[in-house]
Amino acid sequence: MKYYLRLRVRLLGRELRELGWWRLLALGTLLGLAIGRALFTAAAHPALAWAIPGGIALFVLSLHRRRADLPFLHLATPEFRVWLAAEYALSSLPAALVLLAWSRPGPALLTVAGRRW
């Protein structure tokens, strides 16, 4: 697990060097605000709250299909799927917390628990 986390930190460092920290900060802030606004709007409506787990699942699936470190993970450990499930569940945790703040426990549980491949 230590080598996997070190790989993720190196990847972030490489992105900071390639893009520049100020550009990444500006784009990340704008993207975070847009996603947050959409998430809070959807969580406020009972019917739209059930669309959040599907949207998060599609986003995670698109990220998973573009992963460049899958061959490394196959070689590093046989239990890499557990690591990926934990990473994806932790990355969907903020959306689940927003849903819980709006008293939507069903979609929140589906958002976090639906990350097993």
PDB file of N, CA and C in Angstrom:
ATOM      1  N   MET A   1       0.825  -1.189   0.000  1.00  0.00           N
ATOM      2  CA  MET A   1       0.000   0.000   0.000  1.00  0.00           C
ATOM      3  C   MET A   1       0.870   1.254   0.000  1.00  0.00           C
ATOM      4  N   LYS A   2       2.017   1.171   0.658  1.00  0.00           N
ATOM      5  CA  LYS A   2       2.912   2.320   0.744  1.00  0.00           C
ATOM      6  C   LYS A   2       3.391   2.732  -0.651  1.00  0.00           C
ATOM      7  N   TYR A   3       3.709   1.761  -1.492  1.00  0.00           N
ATOM      8  CA  TYR A   3       4.191   2.062  -2.841  1.00  0.00           C
ATOM      9  C   TYR A   3       3.082   2.652  -3.708  1.00  0.00           C
ATOM     10  N   TYR A   4       1.873   2.190  -3.496  1.00  0.00           N
ATOM     11  CA  TYR A   4       0.737   2.726  -4.248  1.00  0.00           C
ATOM     12  C   TYR A   4       0.495   4.185  -3.891  1.00  0.00           C
ATOM     13  N   LEU A   5       0.520   4.499  -2.611  1.00  0.00           N
ATOM     14  CA  LEU A   5       0.322   5.889  -2.193  1.00  0.00           C
ATOM     15  C   LEU A   5       1.461   6.773  -2.684  1.00  0.00           C
ATOM     16  N   ARG A   6       2.681   6.240  -2.684  1.00  0.00           N
ATOM     17  CA  ARG A   6       3.822   6.997  -3.199  1.00  0.00           C
ATOM     18  C   ARG A   6       3.640   7.276  -4.692  1.00  0.00           C
ATOM     19  N   LEU A   7       3.099   6.314  -5.426  1.00  0.00           N
ATOM     20  CA  LEU A   7       2.828   6.513  -6.849  1.00  0.00           C
ATOM     21  C   LEU A   7       1.806   7.616  -7.063  1.00  0.00           C
ATOM     22  N   ARG A   8       0.767   7.640  -6.249  1.00  0.00           N
ATOM     23  CA  ARG A   8      -0.258   8.681  -6.385  1.00  0.00           C
ATOM     24  C   ARG A   8       0.305  10.071  -6.088  1.00  0.00           C
ATOM     25  N   VAL A   9       1.187  10.179  -5.090  1.00  0.00           N
ATOM     26  CA  VAL A   9       1.807  11.470  -4.759  1.00  0.00           C
ATOM     27  C   VAL A   9       2.724  11.918  -5.891  1.00  0.00           C
ATOM     28  N   ARG A  10       3.468  10.996  -6.479  1.00  0.00           N
ATOM     29  CA  ARG A  10       4.337  11.352  -7.601  1.00  0.00           C
ATOM     30  C   ARG A  10       3.524  11.830  -8.800  1.00  0.00           C
ATOM     31  N   LEU A  11       2.398  11.193  -9.030  1.00  0.00           N
ATOM     32  CA  LEU A  11       1.538  11.606 -10.136  1.00  0.00           C
ATOM     33  C   LEU A  11       1.014  13.023  -9.911  1.00  0.00           C
ATOM     34  N   LEU A  12       0.611  13.332  -8.697  1.00  0.00           N
ATOM     35  CA  LEU A  12       0.159  14.689  -8.398  1.00  0.00           C
ATOM     36  C   LEU A  12       1.292  15.692  -8.564  1.00  0.00           C
ATOM     37  N   GLY A  13       2.490  15.344  -8.135  1.00  0.00           N
ATOM     38  CA  GLY A  13       3.639  16.223  -8.313  1.00  0.00           C
ATOM     39  C   GLY A  13       3.953  16.469  -9.777  1.00  0.00           C
ATOM     40  N   ARG A  14       3.841  15.432 -10.594  1.00  0.00           N
ATOM     41  CA  ARG A  14       4.085  15.589 -12.028  1.00  0.00           C
ATOM     42  C   ARG A  14       3.044  16.502 -12.662  1.00  0.00           C
ATOM     43  N   GLU A  15       1.786  16.365 -12.260  1.00  0.00           N
ATOM     44  CA  GLU A  15       0.743  17.244 -12.792  1.00  0.00           C
ATOM     45  C   GLU A  15       0.979  18.690 -12.374  1.00  0.00           C
ATOM     46  N   LEU A  16       1.426  18.904 -11.147  1.00  0.00           N
ATOM     47  CA  LEU A  16       1.730  20.264 -10.706  1.00  0.00           C
ATOM     48  C   LEU A  16       2.872  20.864 -11.519  1.00  0.00           C
ATOM     49  N   ARG A  17       3.891  20.066 -11.837  1.00  0.00           N
ATOM     50  CA  ARG A  17       5.003  20.580 -12.642  1.00  0.00           C
ATOM     51  C   ARG A  17       4.572  20.862 -14.071  1.00  0.00           C
ATOM     52  N   GLU A  18       3.748  20.011 -14.648  1.00  0.00           N
ATOM     53  CA  GLU A  18       3.354  20.171 -16.042  1.00  0.00           C
ATOM     54  C   GLU A  18       2.367  21.317 -16.232  1.00  0.00           C
ATOM     55  N   LEU A  19       1.381  21.405 -15.385  1.00  0.00           N
ATOM     56  CA  LEU A  19       0.346  22.430 -15.541  1.00  0.00           C
ATOM     57  C   LEU A  19       0.686  23.740 -14.839  1.00  0.00           C
ATOM     58  N   GLY A  20       1.414  23.656 -13.777  1.00  0.00           N
ATOM     59  CA  GLY A  20       1.676  24.839 -12.965  1.00  0.00           C
ATOM     60  C   GLY A  20       0.667  24.891 -11.835  1.00  0.00           C
ATOM     61  N   TRP A  21       1.123  25.229 -10.670  1.00  0.00           N
ATOM     62  CA  TRP A  21       0.251  25.184  -9.499  1.00  0.00           C
ATOM     63  C   TRP A  21      -0.844  26.226  -9.561  1.00  0.00           C
ATOM     64  N   TRP A  22      -0.580  27.413 -10.135  1.00  0.00           N
ATOM     65  CA  TRP A  22      -1.595  28.459 -10.164  1.00  0.00           C
ATOM     66  C   TRP A  22      -2.718  28.112 -11.133  1.00  0.00           C
ATOM     67  N   ARG A  23      -2.382  27.515 -12.273  1.00  0.00           N
ATOM     68  CA  ARG A  23      -3.411  27.127 -13.234  1.00  0.00           C
ATOM     69  C   ARG A  23      -4.262  25.984 -12.686  1.00  0.00           C
ATOM     70  N   LEU A  24      -3.605  25.022 -12.050  1.00  0.00           N
ATOM     71  CA  LEU A  24      -4.333  23.909 -11.450  1.00  0.00           C
ATOM     72  C   LEU A  24      -5.229  24.387 -10.313  1.00  0.00           C
ATOM     73  N   LEU A  25      -4.767  25.357  -9.539  1.00  0.00           N
ATOM     74  CA  LEU A  25      -5.564  25.919  -8.451  1.00  0.00           C
ATOM     75  C   LEU A  25      -6.787  26.661  -8.992  1.00  0.00           C
ATOM     76  N   ALA A  26      -6.608  27.465 -10.035  1.00  0.00           N
ATOM     77  CA  ALA A  26      -7.728  28.223 -10.601  1.00  0.00           C
ATOM     78  C   ALA A  26      -8.760  27.294 -11.236  1.00  0.00           C
ATOM     79  N   LEU A  27      -8.298  26.344 -12.037  1.00  0.00           N
ATOM     80  CA  LEU A  27      -9.230  25.421 -12.676  1.00  0.00           C
ATOM     81  C   LEU A  27      -9.906  24.508 -11.662  1.00  0.00           C
ATOM     82  N   GLY A  28      -9.163  24.063 -10.668  1.00  0.00           N
ATOM     83  CA  GLY A  28      -9.739  23.214  -9.631  1.00  0.00           C
ATOM     84  C   GLY A  28     -10.796  23.933  -8.813  1.00  0.00           C
ATOM     85  N   THR A  29     -10.556  25.202  -8.530  1.00  0.00           N
ATOM     86  CA  THR A  29     -11.533  25.982  -7.769  1.00  0.00           C
ATOM     87  C   THR A  29     -12.830  26.157  -8.563  1.00  0.00           C
ATOM     88  N   LEU A  30     -12.709  26.523  -9.821  1.00  0.00           N
ATOM     89  CA  LEU A  30     -13.908  26.704 -10.643  1.00  0.00           C
ATOM     90  C   LEU A  30     -14.661  25.389 -10.844  1.00  0.00           C
ATOM     91  N   LEU A  31     -13.933  24.319 -11.086  1.00  0.00           N
ATOM     92  CA  LEU A  31     -14.575  23.023 -11.244  1.00  0.00           C
ATOM     93  C   LEU A  31     -15.236  22.575  -9.945  1.00  0.00           C
ATOM     94  N   GLY A  32     -14.578  22.790  -8.824  1.00  0.00           N
ATOM     95  CA  GLY A  32     -15.153  22.437  -7.533  1.00  0.00           C
ATOM     96  C   GLY A  32     -16.425  23.218  -7.229  1.00  0.00           C
ATOM     97  N   LEU A  33     -16.426  24.505  -7.554  1.00  0.00           N
ATOM     98  CA  LEU A  33     -17.627  25.313  -7.333  1.00  0.00           C
ATOM     99  C   LEU A  33     -18.791  24.853  -8.207  1.00  0.00           C
ATOM    100  N   ALA A  34     -18.510  24.532  -9.461  1.00  0.00           N
ATOM    101  CA  ALA A  34     -19.575  24.086 -10.363  1.00  0.00           C
ATOM    102  C   ALA A  34     -20.139  22.734  -9.922  1.00  0.00           C
ATOM    103  N   ILE A  35     -19.272  21.820  -9.550  1.00  0.00           N
ATOM    104  CA  ILE A  35     -19.734  20.504  -9.104  1.00  0.00           C
ATOM    105  C   ILE A  35     -20.481  20.619  -7.781  1.00  0.00           C
ATOM    106  N   GLY A  36     -19.977  21.456  -6.885  1.00  0.00           N
ATOM    107  CA  GLY A  36     -20.657  21.654  -5.601  1.00  0.00           C
ATOM    108  C   GLY A  36     -22.046  22.241  -5.770  1.00  0.00           C
ATOM    109  N   ARG A  37     -22.167  23.208  -6.659  1.00  0.00           N
ATOM    110  CA  ARG A  37     -23.475  23.826  -6.908  1.00  0.00           C
ATOM    111  C   ARG A  37     -24.465  22.800  -7.475  1.00  0.00           C
ATOM    112  N   ALA A  38     -24.012  21.987  -8.427  1.00  0.00           N
ATOM    113  CA  ALA A  38     -24.875  20.961  -9.003  1.00  0.00           C
ATOM    114  C   ALA A  38     -25.249  19.914  -7.959  1.00  0.00           C
ATOM    115  N   LEU A  39     -24.301  19.557  -7.101  1.00  0.00           N
ATOM    116  CA  LEU A  39     -24.562  18.554  -6.065  1.00  0.00           C
ATOM    117  C   LEU A  39     -25.569  19.063  -5.043  1.00  0.00           C
ATOM    118  N   PHE A  40     -25.420  20.293  -4.593  1.00  0.00           N
ATOM    119  CA  PHE A  40     -26.356  20.852  -3.614  1.00  0.00           C
ATOM    120  C   PHE A  40     -27.743  21.042  -4.221  1.00  0.00           C
ATOM    121  N   THR A  41     -27.811  21.417  -5.486  1.00  0.00           N
ATOM    122  CA  THR A  41     -29.111  21.568  -6.142  1.00  0.00           C
ATOM    123  C   THR A  41     -29.816  20.225  -6.268  1.00  0.00           C
ATOM    124  N   ALA A  42     -29.077  19.193  -6.659  1.00  0.00           N
ATOM    125  CA  ALA A  42     -29.682  17.871  -6.813  1.00  0.00           C
ATOM    126  C   ALA A  42     -30.063  17.270  -5.462  1.00  0.00           C
ATOM    127  N   ALA A  43     -29.254  17.514  -4.434  1.00  0.00           N
ATOM    128  CA  ALA A  43     -29.555  16.947  -3.119  1.00  0.00           C
ATOM    129  C   ALA A  43     -30.781  17.594  -2.483  1.00  0.00           C
ATOM    130  N   ALA A  44     -31.110  18.794  -2.889  1.00  0.00           N
ATOM    131  CA  ALA A  44     -32.257  19.485  -2.309  1.00  0.00           C
ATOM    132  C   ALA A  44     -33.590  18.902  -2.790  1.00  0.00           C
ATOM    133  N   HIS A  45     -33.603  18.255  -3.923  1.00  0.00           N
ATOM    134  CA  HIS A  45     -34.826  17.672  -4.472  1.00  0.00           C
ATOM    135  C   HIS A  45     -34.838  16.171  -4.226  1.00  0.00           C
ATOM    136  N   PRO A  46     -35.950  15.639  -3.701  1.00  0.00           N
ATOM    137  CA  PRO A  46     -35.996  14.201  -3.382  1.00  0.00           C
ATOM    138  C   PRO A  46     -35.784  13.287  -4.585  1.00  0.00           C
ATOM    139  N   ALA A  47     -36.321  13.625  -5.732  1.00  0.00           N
ATOM    140  CA  ALA A  47     -36.177  12.754  -6.902  1.00  0.00           C
ATOM    141  C   ALA A  47     -34.786  12.860  -7.511  1.00  0.00           C
ATOM    142  N   LEU A  48     -34.243  14.063  -7.549  1.00  0.00           N
ATOM    143  CA  LEU A  48     -32.904  14.248  -8.129  1.00  0.00           C
ATOM    144  C   LEU A  48     -31.809  13.668  -7.248  1.00  0.00           C
ATOM    145  N   ALA A  49     -32.083  13.493  -5.962  1.00  0.00           N
ATOM    146  CA  ALA A  49     -31.069  12.923  -5.069  1.00  0.00           C
ATOM    147  C   ALA A  49     -30.715  11.507  -5.486  1.00  0.00           C
ATOM    148  N   TRP A  50     -31.644  10.790  -6.105  1.00  0.00           N
ATOM    149  CA  TRP A  50     -31.370   9.426  -6.547  1.00  0.00           C
ATOM    150  C   TRP A  50     -30.536   9.396  -7.821  1.00  0.00           C
ATOM    151  N   ALA A  51     -30.382  10.538  -8.493  1.00  0.00           N
ATOM    152  CA  ALA A  51     -29.531  10.607  -9.680  1.00  0.00           C
ATOM    153  C   ALA A  51     -28.060  10.776  -9.317  1.00  0.00           C
ATOM    154  N   ILE A  52     -27.785  11.233  -8.104  1.00  0.00           N
ATOM    155  CA  ILE A  52     -26.401  11.463  -7.690  1.00  0.00           C
ATOM    156  C   ILE A  52     -25.590  10.171  -7.658  1.00  0.00           C
ATOM    157  N   PRO A  53     -26.083   9.052  -7.094  1.00  0.00           N
ATOM    158  CA  PRO A  53     -25.275   7.825  -7.139  1.00  0.00           C
ATOM    159  C   PRO A  53     -24.963   7.363  -8.564  1.00  0.00           C
ATOM    160  N   GLY A  54     -25.898   7.516  -9.459  1.00  0.00           N
ATOM    161  CA  GLY A  54     -25.637   7.149 -10.856  1.00  0.00           C
ATOM    162  C   GLY A  54     -24.600   8.046 -11.506  1.00  0.00           C
ATOM    163  N   GLY A  55     -24.689   9.342 -11.228  1.00  0.00           N
ATOM    164  CA  GLY A  55     -23.702  10.280 -11.768  1.00  0.00           C
ATOM    165  C   GLY A  55     -22.309  10.022 -11.219  1.00  0.00           C
ATOM    166  N   ILE A  56     -22.228   9.740  -9.925  1.00  0.00           N
ATOM    167  CA  ILE A  56     -20.936   9.430  -9.315  1.00  0.00           C
ATOM    168  C   ILE A  56     -20.388   8.122  -9.890  1.00  0.00           C
ATOM    169  N   ALA A  57     -21.246   7.137 -10.088  1.00  0.00           N
ATOM    170  CA  ALA A  57     -20.800   5.852 -10.649  1.00  0.00           C
ATOM    171  C   ALA A  57     -20.272   6.022 -12.072  1.00  0.00           C
ATOM    172  N   LEU A  58     -20.947   6.832 -12.881  1.00  0.00           N
ATOM    173  CA  LEU A  58     -20.455   7.077 -14.236  1.00  0.00           C
ATOM    174  C   LEU A  58     -19.130   7.828 -14.225  1.00  0.00           C
ATOM    175  N   PHE A  59     -18.979   8.774 -13.318  1.00  0.00           N
ATOM    176  CA  PHE A  59     -17.727   9.523 -13.206  1.00  0.00           C
ATOM    177  C   PHE A  59     -16.583   8.614 -12.782  1.00  0.00           C
ATOM    178  N   VAL A  60     -16.824   7.767 -11.787  1.00  0.00           N
ATOM    179  CA  VAL A  60     -15.786   6.844 -11.315  1.00  0.00           C
ATOM    180  C   VAL A  60     -15.446   5.833 -12.411  1.00  0.00           C
ATOM    181  N   LEU A  61     -16.439   5.366 -13.139  1.00  0.00           N
ATOM    182  CA  LEU A  61     -16.183   4.428 -14.227  1.00  0.00           C
ATOM    183  C   LEU A  61     -15.327   5.070 -15.319  1.00  0.00           C
ATOM    184  N   SER A  62     -15.593   6.326 -15.636  1.00  0.00           N
ATOM    185  CA  SER A  62     -14.778   6.997 -16.649  1.00  0.00           C
ATOM    186  C   SER A  62     -13.348   7.187 -16.162  1.00  0.00           C
ATOM    187  N   LEU A  63     -13.170   7.477 -14.884  1.00  0.00           N
ATOM    188  CA  LEU A  63     -11.814   7.589 -14.341  1.00  0.00           C
ATOM    189  C   LEU A  63     -11.114   6.236 -14.318  1.00  0.00           C
ATOM    190  N   HIS A  64     -11.855   5.187 -14.008  1.00  0.00           N
ATOM    191  CA  HIS A  64     -11.257   3.862 -13.928  1.00  0.00           C
ATOM    192  C   HIS A  64     -10.775   3.376 -15.298  1.00  0.00           C
ATOM    193  N   ARG A  65     -11.527   3.661 -16.334  1.00  0.00           N
ATOM    194  CA  ARG A  65     -11.156   3.182 -17.664  1.00  0.00           C
ATOM    195  C   ARG A  65      -9.922   3.886 -18.210  1.00  0.00           C
ATOM    196  N   ARG A  66      -9.607   5.085 -17.702  1.00  0.00           N
ATOM    197  CA  ARG A  66      -8.444   5.836 -18.176  1.00  0.00           C
ATOM    198  C   ARG A  66      -7.221   5.649 -17.295  1.00  0.00           C
ATOM    199  N   ARG A  67      -7.274   4.789 -16.300  1.00  0.00           N
ATOM    200  CA  ARG A  67      -6.151   4.612 -15.382  1.00  0.00           C
ATOM    201  C   ARG A  67      -4.952   4.037 -16.109  1.00  0.00           C
ATOM    202  N   ALA A  68      -3.804   4.668 -15.923  1.00  0.00           N
ATOM    203  CA  ALA A  68      -2.573   4.193 -16.548  1.00  0.00           C
ATOM    204  C   ALA A  68      -1.804   3.251 -15.629  1.00  0.00           C
ATOM    205  N   ASP A  69      -2.188   3.177 -14.362  1.00  0.00           N
ATOM    206  CA  ASP A  69      -1.419   2.376 -13.410  1.00  0.00           C
ATOM    207  C   ASP A  69      -2.012   0.990 -13.161  1.00  0.00           C
ATOM    208  N   LEU A  70      -2.963   0.554 -13.959  1.00  0.00           N
ATOM    209  CA  LEU A  70      -3.537  -0.777 -13.761  1.00  0.00           C
ATOM    210  C   LEU A  70      -2.522  -1.910 -13.968  1.00  0.00           C
ATOM    211  N   PRO A  71      -1.655  -1.842 -14.995  1.00  0.00           N
ATOM    212  CA  PRO A  71      -0.630  -2.906 -15.087  1.00  0.00           C
ATOM    213  C   PRO A  71       0.301  -2.933 -13.875  1.00  0.00           C
ATOM    214  N   PHE A  72       0.631  -1.759 -13.352  1.00  0.00           N
ATOM    215  CA  PHE A  72       1.463  -1.713 -12.149  1.00  0.00           C
ATOM    216  C   PHE A  72       0.741  -2.349 -10.967  1.00  0.00           C
ATOM    217  N   LEU A  73      -0.538  -2.082 -10.833  1.00  0.00           N
ATOM    218  CA  LEU A  73      -1.293  -2.641  -9.723  1.00  0.00           C
ATOM    219  C   LEU A  73      -1.427  -4.158  -9.857  1.00  0.00           C
ATOM    220  N   HIS A  74      -1.556  -4.663 -11.076  1.00  0.00           N
ATOM    221  CA  HIS A  74      -1.594  -6.115 -11.278  1.00  0.00           C
ATOM    222  C   HIS A  74      -0.296  -6.760 -10.796  1.00  0.00           C
ATOM    223  N   LEU A  75       0.825  -6.093 -11.052  1.00  0.00           N
ATOM    224  CA  LEU A  75       2.113  -6.642 -10.654  1.00  0.00           C
ATOM    225  C   LEU A  75       2.402  -6.436  -9.168  1.00  0.00           C
ATOM    226  N   ALA A  76       1.933  -5.329  -8.620  1.00  0.00           N
ATOM    227  CA  ALA A  76       2.290  -4.973  -7.250  1.00  0.00           C
ATOM    228  C   ALA A  76       1.600  -5.855  -6.219  1.00  0.00           C
ATOM    229  N   THR A  77       0.345  -6.144  -6.432  1.00  0.00           N
ATOM    230  CA  THR A  77      -0.398  -6.896  -5.425  1.00  0.00           C
ATOM    231  C   THR A  77      -1.581  -7.615  -6.060  1.00  0.00           C
ATOM    232  N   PRO A  78      -1.900  -8.795  -5.581  1.00  0.00           N
ATOM    233  CA  PRO A  78      -3.082  -9.475  -6.108  1.00  0.00           C
ATOM    234  C   PRO A  78      -4.390  -8.886  -5.581  1.00  0.00           C
ATOM    235  N   GLU A  79      -4.339  -8.157  -4.477  1.00  0.00           N
ATOM    236  CA  GLU A  79      -5.555  -7.582  -3.888  1.00  0.00           C
ATOM    237  C   GLU A  79      -5.770  -6.124  -4.283  1.00  0.00           C
ATOM    238  N   PHE A  80      -5.356  -5.735  -5.494  1.00  0.00           N
ATOM    239  CA  PHE A  80      -5.457  -4.326  -5.860  1.00  0.00           C
ATOM    240  C   PHE A  80      -6.898  -3.872  -6.020  1.00  0.00           C
ATOM    241  N   ARG A  81      -7.823  -4.787  -6.270  1.00  0.00           N
ATOM    242  CA  ARG A  81      -9.232  -4.384  -6.420  1.00  0.00           C
ATOM    243  C   ARG A  81      -9.801  -3.838  -5.116  1.00  0.00           C
ATOM    244  N   VAL A  82      -9.322  -4.351  -3.999  1.00  0.00           N
ATOM    245  CA  VAL A  82      -9.751  -3.821  -2.705  1.00  0.00           C
ATOM    246  C   VAL A  82      -9.249  -2.385  -2.544  1.00  0.00           C
ATOM    247  N   TRP A  83      -8.021  -2.127  -2.975  1.00  0.00           N
ATOM    248  CA  TRP A  83      -7.474  -0.774  -2.908  1.00  0.00           C
ATOM    249  C   TRP A  83      -8.291   0.180  -3.768  1.00  0.00           C
ATOM    250  N   LEU A  84      -8.627  -0.265  -4.986  1.00  0.00           N
ATOM    251  CA  LEU A  84      -9.414   0.587  -5.877  1.00  0.00           C
ATOM    252  C   LEU A  84     -10.804   0.843  -5.308  1.00  0.00           C
ATOM    253  N   ALA A  85     -11.419  -0.179  -4.739  1.00  0.00           N
ATOM    254  CA  ALA A  85     -12.748   0.004  -4.144  1.00  0.00           C
ATOM    255  C   ALA A  85     -12.677   0.990  -2.990  1.00  0.00           C
ATOM    256  N   ALA A  86     -11.626   0.892  -2.167  1.00  0.00           N
ATOM    257  CA  ALA A  86     -11.480   1.837  -1.063  1.00  0.00           C
ATOM    258  C   ALA A  86     -11.232   3.252  -1.574  1.00  0.00           C
ATOM    259  N   GLU A  87     -10.398   3.384  -2.604  1.00  0.00           N
ATOM    260  CA  GLU A  87     -10.126   4.708  -3.166  1.00  0.00           C
ATOM    261  C   GLU A  87     -11.384   5.333  -3.748  1.00  0.00           C
ATOM    262  N   TYR A  88     -12.163   4.546  -4.478  1.00  0.00           N
ATOM    263  CA  TYR A  88     -13.379   5.070  -5.084  1.00  0.00           C
ATOM    264  C   TYR A  88     -14.442   5.373  -4.033  1.00  0.00           C
ATOM    265  N   ALA A  89     -14.530   4.562  -2.993  1.00  0.00           N
ATOM    266  CA  ALA A  89     -15.504   4.838  -1.923  1.00  0.00           C
ATOM    267  C   ALA A  89     -15.130   6.109  -1.173  1.00  0.00           C
ATOM    268  N   LEU A  90     -13.841   6.308  -0.909  1.00  0.00           N
ATOM    269  CA  LEU A  90     -13.412   7.531  -0.223  1.00  0.00           C
ATOM    270  C   LEU A  90     -13.599   8.761  -1.100  1.00  0.00           C
ATOM    271  N   SER A  91     -13.426   8.605  -2.403  1.00  0.00           N
ATOM    272  CA  SER A  91     -13.616   9.764  -3.278  1.00  0.00           C
ATOM    273  C   SER A  91     -15.090  10.131  -3.432  1.00  0.00           C
ATOM    274  N   SER A  92     -15.994   9.177  -3.219  1.00  0.00           N
ATOM    275  CA  SER A  92     -17.420   9.491  -3.302  1.00  0.00           C
ATOM    276  C   SER A  92     -18.008   9.887  -1.947  1.00  0.00           C
ATOM    277  N   LEU A  93     -17.201   9.866  -0.913  1.00  0.00           N
ATOM    278  CA  LEU A  93     -17.673  10.207   0.428  1.00  0.00           C
ATOM    279  C   LEU A  93     -18.179  11.653   0.549  1.00  0.00           C
ATOM    280  N   PRO A  94     -17.539  12.672  -0.063  1.00  0.00           N
ATOM    281  CA  PRO A  94     -18.104  14.028   0.042  1.00  0.00           C
ATOM    282  C   PRO A  94     -19.523  14.143  -0.509  1.00  0.00           C
ATOM    283  N   ALA A  95     -19.803  13.460  -1.611  1.00  0.00           N
ATOM    284  CA  ALA A  95     -21.169  13.493  -2.159  1.00  0.00           C
ATOM    285  C   ALA A  95     -22.143  12.827  -1.196  1.00  0.00           C
ATOM    286  N   ALA A  96     -21.718  11.743  -0.569  1.00  0.00           N
ATOM    287  CA  ALA A  96     -22.586  11.066   0.399  1.00  0.00           C
ATOM    288  C   ALA A  96     -22.831  11.940   1.622  1.00  0.00           C
ATOM    289  N   LEU A  97     -21.826  12.682   2.051  1.00  0.00           N
ATOM    290  CA  LEU A  97     -22.009  13.585   3.199  1.00  0.00           C
ATOM    291  C   LEU A  97     -22.974  14.717   2.876  1.00  0.00           C
ATOM    292  N   VAL A  98     -22.940  15.217   1.646  1.00  0.00           N
ATOM    293  CA  VAL A  98     -23.906  16.245   1.237  1.00  0.00           C
ATOM    294  C   VAL A  98     -25.310  15.661   1.247  1.00  0.00           C
ATOM    295  N   LEU A  99     -25.452  14.443   0.762  1.00  0.00           N
ATOM    296  CA  LEU A  99     -26.776  13.804   0.776  1.00  0.00           C
ATOM    297  C   LEU A  99     -27.265  13.571   2.201  1.00  0.00           C
ATOM    298  N   LEU A 100     -26.364  13.182   3.085  1.00  0.00           N
ATOM    299  CA  LEU A 100     -26.757  13.008   4.491  1.00  0.00           C
ATOM    300  C   LEU A 100     -27.135  14.337   5.132  1.00  0.00           C
ATOM    301  N   ALA A 101     -26.476  15.415   4.742  1.00  0.00           N
ATOM    302  CA  ALA A 101     -26.824  16.733   5.283  1.00  0.00           C
ATOM    303  C   ALA A 101     -28.229  17.141   4.874  1.00  0.00           C
ATOM    304  N   TRP A 102     -28.701  16.667   3.728  1.00  0.00           N
ATOM    305  CA  TRP A 102     -30.049  16.965   3.268  1.00  0.00           C
ATOM    306  C   TRP A 102     -31.029  15.856   3.656  1.00  0.00           C
ATOM    307  N   SER A 103     -30.643  14.981   4.586  1.00  0.00           N
ATOM    308  CA  SER A 103     -31.491  13.886   5.095  1.00  0.00           C
ATOM    309  C   SER A 103     -31.935  12.943   3.984  1.00  0.00           C
ATOM    310  N   ARG A 104     -30.976  12.498   3.196  1.00  0.00           N
ATOM    311  CA  ARG A 104     -31.220  11.523   2.140  1.00  0.00           C
ATOM    312  C   ARG A 104     -30.312  10.308   2.369  1.00  0.00           C
ATOM    313  N   PRO A 105     -30.643   9.461   3.367  1.00  0.00           N
ATOM    314  CA  PRO A 105     -29.738   8.349   3.697  1.00  0.00           C
ATOM    315  C   PRO A 105     -29.690   7.250   2.634  1.00  0.00           C
ATOM    316  N   GLY A 106     -30.775   7.025   1.924  1.00  0.00           N
ATOM    317  CA  GLY A 106     -30.786   5.978   0.894  1.00  0.00           C
ATOM    318  C   GLY A 106     -29.800   6.256  -0.233  1.00  0.00           C
ATOM    319  N   PRO A 107     -29.916   7.420  -0.881  1.00  0.00           N
ATOM    320  CA  PRO A 107     -28.943   7.734  -1.930  1.00  0.00           C
ATOM    321  C   PRO A 107     -27.510   7.866  -1.409  1.00  0.00           C
ATOM    322  N   ALA A 108     -27.355   8.322  -0.165  1.00  0.00           N
ATOM    323  CA  ALA A 108     -26.007   8.443   0.401  1.00  0.00           C
ATOM    324  C   ALA A 108     -25.361   7.076   0.564  1.00  0.00           C
ATOM    325  N   LEU A 109     -26.121   6.115   1.050  1.00  0.00           N
ATOM    326  CA  LEU A 109     -25.589   4.764   1.208  1.00  0.00           C
ATOM    327  C   LEU A 109     -25.276   4.135  -0.148  1.00  0.00           C
ATOM    328  N   LEU A 110     -26.143   4.356  -1.123  1.00  0.00           N
ATOM    329  CA  LEU A 110     -25.917   3.830  -2.462  1.00  0.00           C
ATOM    330  C   LEU A 110     -24.701   4.484  -3.115  1.00  0.00           C
ATOM    331  N   THR A 111     -24.455   5.745  -2.820  1.00  0.00           N
ATOM    332  CA  THR A 111     -23.310   6.449  -3.384  1.00  0.00           C
ATOM    333  C   THR A 111     -22.000   5.828  -2.918  1.00  0.00           C
ATOM    334  N   VAL A 112     -21.888   5.494  -1.650  1.00  0.00           N
ATOM    335  CA  VAL A 112     -20.639   4.939  -1.121  1.00  0.00           C
ATOM    336  C   VAL A 112     -20.556   3.432  -1.355  1.00  0.00           C
ATOM    337  N   ALA A 113     -21.645   2.721  -1.165  1.00  0.00           N
ATOM    338  CA  ALA A 113     -21.617   1.259  -1.255  1.00  0.00           C
ATOM    339  C   ALA A 113     -21.596   0.752  -2.687  1.00  0.00           C
ATOM    340  N   GLY A 114     -21.926   1.560  -3.630  1.00  0.00           N
ATOM    341  CA  GLY A 114     -21.974   1.109  -5.021  1.00  0.00           C
ATOM    342  C   GLY A 114     -20.651   1.130  -5.736  1.00  0.00           C
ATOM    343  N   ARG A 115     -19.547   1.242  -5.032  1.00  0.00           N
ATOM    344  CA  ARG A 115     -18.234   1.369  -5.661  1.00  0.00           C
ATOM    345  C   ARG A 115     -17.491   0.053  -5.809  1.00  0.00           C
ATOM    346  N   ARG A 116     -18.131  -1.064  -5.624  1.00  0.00           N
ATOM    347  CA  ARG A 116     -17.437  -2.354  -5.754  1.00  0.00           C
ATOM    348  C   ARG A 116     -17.531  -2.826  -7.188  1.00  0.00           C
ATOM    349  N   TRP A 117     -16.411  -3.174  -7.809  1.00  0.00           N
ATOM    350  CA  TRP A 117     -16.429  -3.689  -9.184  1.00  0.00           C
ATOM    351  C   TRP A 117     -16.208  -5.172  -9.112  1.00  0.00           C
TER     352      TRP A 117
END
